[in-house]
C-alpha atoms as a PDB file:
ATOM      1  CA  UNK A   1      32.956   7.806  65.729  1.00  0.00           C
ATOM      2  CA  UNK A   2      35.125   8.643  62.767  1.00  0.00           C
ATOM      3  CA  UNK A   3      35.794   6.659  59.610  1.00  0.00           C
ATOM      4  CA  UNK A   4      39.150   7.308  58.014  1.00  0.00           C
ATOM      5  CA  UNK A   5      39.729   6.028  54.502  1.00  0.00           C
ATOM      6  CA  UNK A   6      43.336   5.505  53.501  1.00  0.00           C
ATOM      7  CA  UNK A   7      43.788   4.435  49.930  1.00  0.00           C
ATOM      8  CA  UNK A   8      46.342   4.474  47.176  1.00  0.00           C
ATOM      9  CA  UNK A   9      45.862   6.795  44.211  1.00  0.00           C
ATOM     10  CA  UNK A  10      43.125   9.141  43.161  1.00  0.00           C
ATOM     11  CA  UNK A  11      39.926   8.196  41.360  1.00  0.00           C
ATOM     12  CA  UNK A  12      40.818   9.084  37.777  1.00  0.00           C
ATOM     13  CA  UNK A  13      37.377   8.482  36.296  1.00  0.00           C
ATOM     14  CA  UNK A  14      34.958  11.347  37.002  1.00  0.00           C
ATOM     15  CA  UNK A  15      31.997   8.967  37.325  1.00  0.00           C
ATOM     16  CA  UNK A  16      33.675   6.876  40.037  1.00  0.00           C
ATOM     17  CA  UNK A  17      34.818  10.056  41.789  1.00  0.00           C
ATOM     18  CA  UNK A  18      31.232  11.383  41.735  1.00  0.00           C
ATOM     19  CA  UNK A  19      29.887   8.151  43.248  1.00  0.00           C
ATOM     20  CA  UNK A  20      32.646   8.158  45.856  1.00  0.00           C
ATOM     21  CA  UNK A  21      31.810  11.744  46.809  1.00  0.00           C
ATOM     22  CA  UNK A  22      28.083  10.976  46.876  1.00  0.00           C
ATOM     23  CA  UNK A  23      28.489   8.098  49.343  1.00  0.00           C
ATOM     24  CA  UNK A  24      31.004  10.031  51.442  1.00  0.00           C
ATOM     25  CA  UNK A  25      28.442  12.816  51.754  1.00  0.00           C
ATOM     26  CA  UNK A  26      25.660  10.366  52.684  1.00  0.00           C
ATOM     27  CA  UNK A  27      27.890   8.576  55.181  1.00  0.00           C
ATOM     28  CA  UNK A  28      28.915  11.852  56.796  1.00  0.00           C
ATOM     29  CA  UNK A  29      25.349  12.220  58.112  1.00  0.00           C
ATOM     30  CA  UNK A  30      26.119   9.306  60.457  1.00  0.00           C
ATOM     31  CA  UNK A  31      29.866   9.502  61.168  1.00  0.00           C
ATOM     32  CA  UNK A  32      32.736  11.893  60.611  1.00  0.00           C
ATOM     33  CA  UNK A  33      34.684  10.939  57.504  1.00  0.00           C
ATOM     34  CA  UNK A  34      38.198  11.678  56.340  1.00  0.00           C
ATOM     35  CA  UNK A  35      39.932  10.536  53.160  1.00  0.00           C
ATOM     36  CA  UNK A  36      43.706  10.200  52.930  1.00  0.00           C
ATOM     37  CA  UNK A  37      45.050   9.483  49.455  1.00  0.00           C
ATOM     38  CA  UNK A  38      48.515   7.968  49.102  1.00  0.00           C
ATOM     39  CA  UNK A  39      50.552   8.415  45.913  1.00  0.00           C
ATOM     40  CA  UNK A  40      51.045   5.313  43.757  1.00  0.00           C
ATOM     41  CA  UNK A  41      54.448   3.641  44.066  1.00  0.00           C
ATOM     42  CA  UNK A  42      55.863   0.169  44.618  1.00  0.00           C
ATOM     43  CA  UNK A  43      54.174  -1.931  47.311  1.00  0.00           C
ATOM     44  CA  UNK A  44      56.795  -1.279  50.005  1.00  0.00           C
ATOM     45  CA  UNK A  45      56.801   2.498  49.453  1.00  0.00           C
ATOM     46  CA  UNK A  46      53.003   2.589  49.469  1.00  0.00           C
ATOM     47  CA  UNK A  47      53.042   0.534  52.659  1.00  0.00           C
ATOM     48  CA  UNK A  48      55.445   2.943  54.351  1.00  0.00           C
ATOM     49  CA  UNK A  49      53.276   5.885  53.310  1.00  0.00           C
ATOM     50  CA  UNK A  50      50.154   4.177  54.652  1.00  0.00           C
ATOM     51  CA  UNK A  51      51.861   3.437  57.970  1.00  0.00           C
ATOM     52  CA  UNK A  52      52.941   7.089  58.248  1.00  0.00           C
ATOM     53  CA  UNK A  53      49.291   8.142  57.926  1.00  0.00           C
ATOM     54  CA  UNK A  54      47.902   5.483  60.252  1.00  0.00           C
ATOM     55  CA  UNK A  55      47.061   6.787  63.721  1.00  0.00           C
ATOM     56  CA  UNK A  56      48.435   4.604  66.507  1.00  0.00           C
ATOM     57  CA  UNK A  57      45.095   4.182  68.318  1.00  0.00           C
ATOM     58  CA  UNK A  58      42.953   3.567  65.252  1.00  0.00           C
ATOM     59  CA  UNK A  59      41.103   0.328  64.611  1.00  0.00           C
ATOM     60  CA  UNK A  60      42.611  -0.779  61.283  1.00  0.00           C
ATOM     61  CA  UNK A  61      40.427  -2.561  58.735  1.00  0.00           C
ATOM     62  CA  UNK A  62      42.219  -3.606  55.549  1.00  0.00           C
ATOM     63  CA  UNK A  63      40.439  -4.698  52.410  1.00  0.00           C
ATOM     64  CA  UNK A  64      41.759  -8.094  51.449  1.00  0.00           C
ATOM     65  CA  UNK A  65      40.312 -10.636  49.023  1.00  0.00           C
ATOM     66  CA  UNK A  66      41.253 -13.356  51.544  1.00  0.00           C
ATOM     67  CA  UNK A  67      39.655 -11.438  54.408  1.00  0.00           C
ATOM     68  CA  UNK A  68      36.387 -12.054  56.216  1.00  0.00           C
ATOM     69  CA  UNK A  69      33.301 -11.822  54.035  1.00  0.00           C
ATOM     70  CA  UNK A  70      30.297 -10.235  55.708  1.00  0.00           C
ATOM     71  CA  UNK A  71      26.717  -9.671  54.686  1.00  0.00           C
ATOM     72  CA  UNK A  72      25.392  -6.112  54.885  1.00  0.00           C
ATOM     73  CA  UNK A  73      23.604  -6.949  58.134  1.00  0.00           C
ATOM     74  CA  UNK A  74      26.747  -8.533  59.600  1.00  0.00           C
ATOM     75  CA  UNK A  75      28.733  -5.427  58.693  1.00  0.00           C
ATOM     76  CA  UNK A  76      26.060  -3.302  60.376  1.00  0.00           C
ATOM     77  CA  UNK A  77      26.456  -5.411  63.540  1.00  0.00           C
ATOM     78  CA  UNK A  78      30.232  -4.895  63.416  1.00  0.00           C
ATOM     79  CA  UNK A  79      29.822  -1.121  63.069  1.00  0.00           C
ATOM     80  CA  UNK A  80      27.289  -1.057  65.891  1.00  0.00           C
ATOM     81  CA  UNK A  81      29.644  -3.105  68.103  1.00  0.00           C
ATOM     82  CA  UNK A  82      32.472  -0.669  67.364  1.00  0.00           C
ATOM     83  CA  UNK A  83      30.198   2.187  68.406  1.00  0.00           C
ATOM     84  CA  UNK A  84      29.124   0.373  71.586  1.00  0.00           C
ATOM     85  CA  UNK A  85      32.753  -0.356  72.489  1.00  0.00           C
ATOM     86  CA  UNK A  86      33.570   3.333  72.128  1.00  0.00           C
ATOM     87  CA  UNK A  87      36.063   2.868  69.311  1.00  0.00           C
ATOM     88  CA  UNK A  88      36.714   6.432  68.226  1.00  0.00           C
ATOM     89  CA  UNK A  89      38.304   5.856  64.836  1.00  0.00           C
ATOM     90  CA  UNK A  90      38.205   3.097  62.262  1.00  0.00           C
ATOM     91  CA  UNK A  91      40.668   3.296  59.376  1.00  0.00           C
ATOM     92  CA  UNK A  92      39.676   1.467  56.215  1.00  0.00           C
ATOM     93  CA  UNK A  93      42.754   0.760  54.104  1.00  0.00           C
ATOM     94  CA  UNK A  94      42.692  -0.018  50.388  1.00  0.00           C
ATOM     95  CA  UNK A  95      46.085  -0.934  48.917  1.00  0.00           C
ATOM     96  CA  UNK A  96      47.474  -0.295  45.481  1.00  0.00           C
ATOM     97  CA  UNK A  97      47.620  -2.494  42.404  1.00  0.00           C
ATOM     98  CA  UNK A  98      50.240  -4.774  44.015  1.00  0.00           C
ATOM     99  CA  UNK A  99      48.234  -5.133  47.232  1.00  0.00           C
ATOM    100  CA  UNK A 100      49.312  -4.264  50.753  1.00  0.00           C
ATOM    101  CA  UNK A 101      52.773  -4.631  52.226  1.00  0.00           C
ATOM    102  CA  UNK A 102      53.271  -7.245  54.923  1.00  0.00           C
ATOM    103  CA  UNK A 103      53.780  -4.480  57.513  1.00  0.00           C
ATOM    104  CA  UNK A 104      50.403  -2.900  56.745  1.00  0.00           C
ATOM    105  CA  UNK A 105      48.638  -6.275  56.697  1.00  0.00           C
ATOM    106  CA  UNK A 106      50.092  -7.049  60.146  1.00  0.00           C
ATOM    107  CA  UNK A 107      48.553  -3.844  61.565  1.00  0.00           C
ATOM    108  CA  UNK A 108      45.053  -5.019  60.635  1.00  0.00           C
ATOM    109  CA  UNK A 109      42.519  -5.511  63.402  1.00  0.00           C
ATOM    110  CA  UNK A 110      40.123  -6.796  60.728  1.00  0.00           C
ATOM    111  CA  UNK A 111      40.757  -8.116  57.234  1.00  0.00           C
ATOM    112  CA  UNK A 112      37.579  -7.519  55.242  1.00  0.00           C
ATOM    113  CA  UNK A 113      36.689  -8.950  51.857  1.00  0.00           C
ATOM    114  CA  UNK A 114      34.090  -7.151  49.782  1.00  0.00           C
ATOM    115  CA  UNK A 115      33.736 -10.097  47.410  1.00  0.00           C
ATOM    116  CA  UNK A 116      35.441 -13.137  45.976  1.00  0.00           C
ATOM    117  CA  UNK A 117      35.583 -11.089  42.787  1.00  0.00           C
ATOM    118  CA  UNK A 118      38.357  -8.615  42.071  1.00  0.00           C
ATOM    119  CA  UNK A 119      37.334  -4.964  41.706  1.00  0.00           C
ATOM    120  CA  UNK A 120      39.210  -1.965  40.407  1.00  0.00           C
ATOM    121  CA  UNK A 121      40.371   0.283  43.233  1.00  0.00           C
ATOM    122  CA  UNK A 122      37.845   2.928  42.258  1.00  0.00           C
ATOM    123  CA  UNK A 123      35.032   0.383  42.313  1.00  0.00           C
ATOM    124  CA  UNK A 124      36.195  -1.105  45.639  1.00  0.00           C
ATOM    125  CA  UNK A 125      36.093   2.350  47.230  1.00  0.00           C
ATOM    126  CA  UNK A 126      32.533   2.977  46.081  1.00  0.00           C
ATOM    127  CA  UNK A 127      31.368  -0.482  47.171  1.00  0.00           C
ATOM    128  CA  UNK A 128      32.997  -0.011  50.593  1.00  0.00           C
ATOM    129  CA  UNK A 129      31.440   3.431  51.061  1.00  0.00           C
ATOM    130  CA  UNK A 130      28.018   2.233  49.925  1.00  0.00           C
ATOM    131  CA  UNK A 131      28.128  -0.753  52.269  1.00  0.00           C
ATOM    132  CA  UNK A 132      29.158   1.392  55.220  1.00  0.00           C
ATOM    133  CA  UNK A 133      26.342   3.800  54.409  1.00  0.00           C
ATOM    134  CA  UNK A 134      23.960   0.836  54.155  1.00  0.00           C
ATOM    135  CA  UNK A 135      25.229  -0.451  57.525  1.00  0.00           C
ATOM    136  CA  UNK A 136      24.481   2.915  59.131  1.00  0.00           C
ATOM    137  CA  UNK A 137      20.956   2.951  57.695  1.00  0.00           C
ATOM    138  CA  UNK A 138      20.387  -0.586  58.998  1.00  0.00           C
ATOM    139  CA  UNK A 139      21.541   0.468  62.468  1.00  0.00           C
ATOM    140  CA  UNK A 140      19.223   3.499  62.432  1.00  0.00           C
ATOM    141  CA  UNK A 141      16.321   1.588  60.892  1.00  0.00           C
ATOM    142  CA  UNK A 142      16.122   3.821  57.809  1.00  0.00           C
ATOM    143  CA  UNK A 143      14.377   2.399  54.723  1.00  0.00           C
ATOM    144  CA  UNK A 144      17.435   2.643  52.384  1.00  0.00           C
ATOM    145  CA  UNK A 145      18.559  -0.947  52.926  1.00  0.00           C
ATOM    146  CA  UNK A 146      15.294  -2.444  51.715  1.00  0.00           C
END
C-alpha cells in the first residue's frame, strides 16, 4: 500500500517541516509514502494542478472540515479495510487557503475531517501524518497509541 500526500504549498516554518518529516519517516516503516507539493494559486488553478497529479486509480481522501470525523481507532479500521481490499494507493489531499475546487471535491472517495476546529495547513499536515502513523501502530498492536 502507498500513501500519497498532495497538498498546496510548502511548510514555511522549520519546526512544522521537521515534525512533518519525522512523521513521514515513522509512517514509511508501514507504508510507502510520497509527497506532492502544489504551488499556491487561486482555488481553481490549485484544483487543476491537484487533478493533474492525481492518479486515475487512486483512492482519493480529501481533508474537509465538513467531512467525516473519525476516532483514531475508526481511522485504523478504515486503513486496515483499505489494505484488506487491496487498495494500492490512497491519496490524501489538503487544499490551499481557499479550500478545494468543486472538481477536486467531486473526485473524493472519502471526505475526512480532522476536527471541527480550523488548523493551519502546516498543522493539518502534521496531524494527518501523526494520525495515520497512530492508525498503523494500532493495526500492528504497537504500544505507541497508548
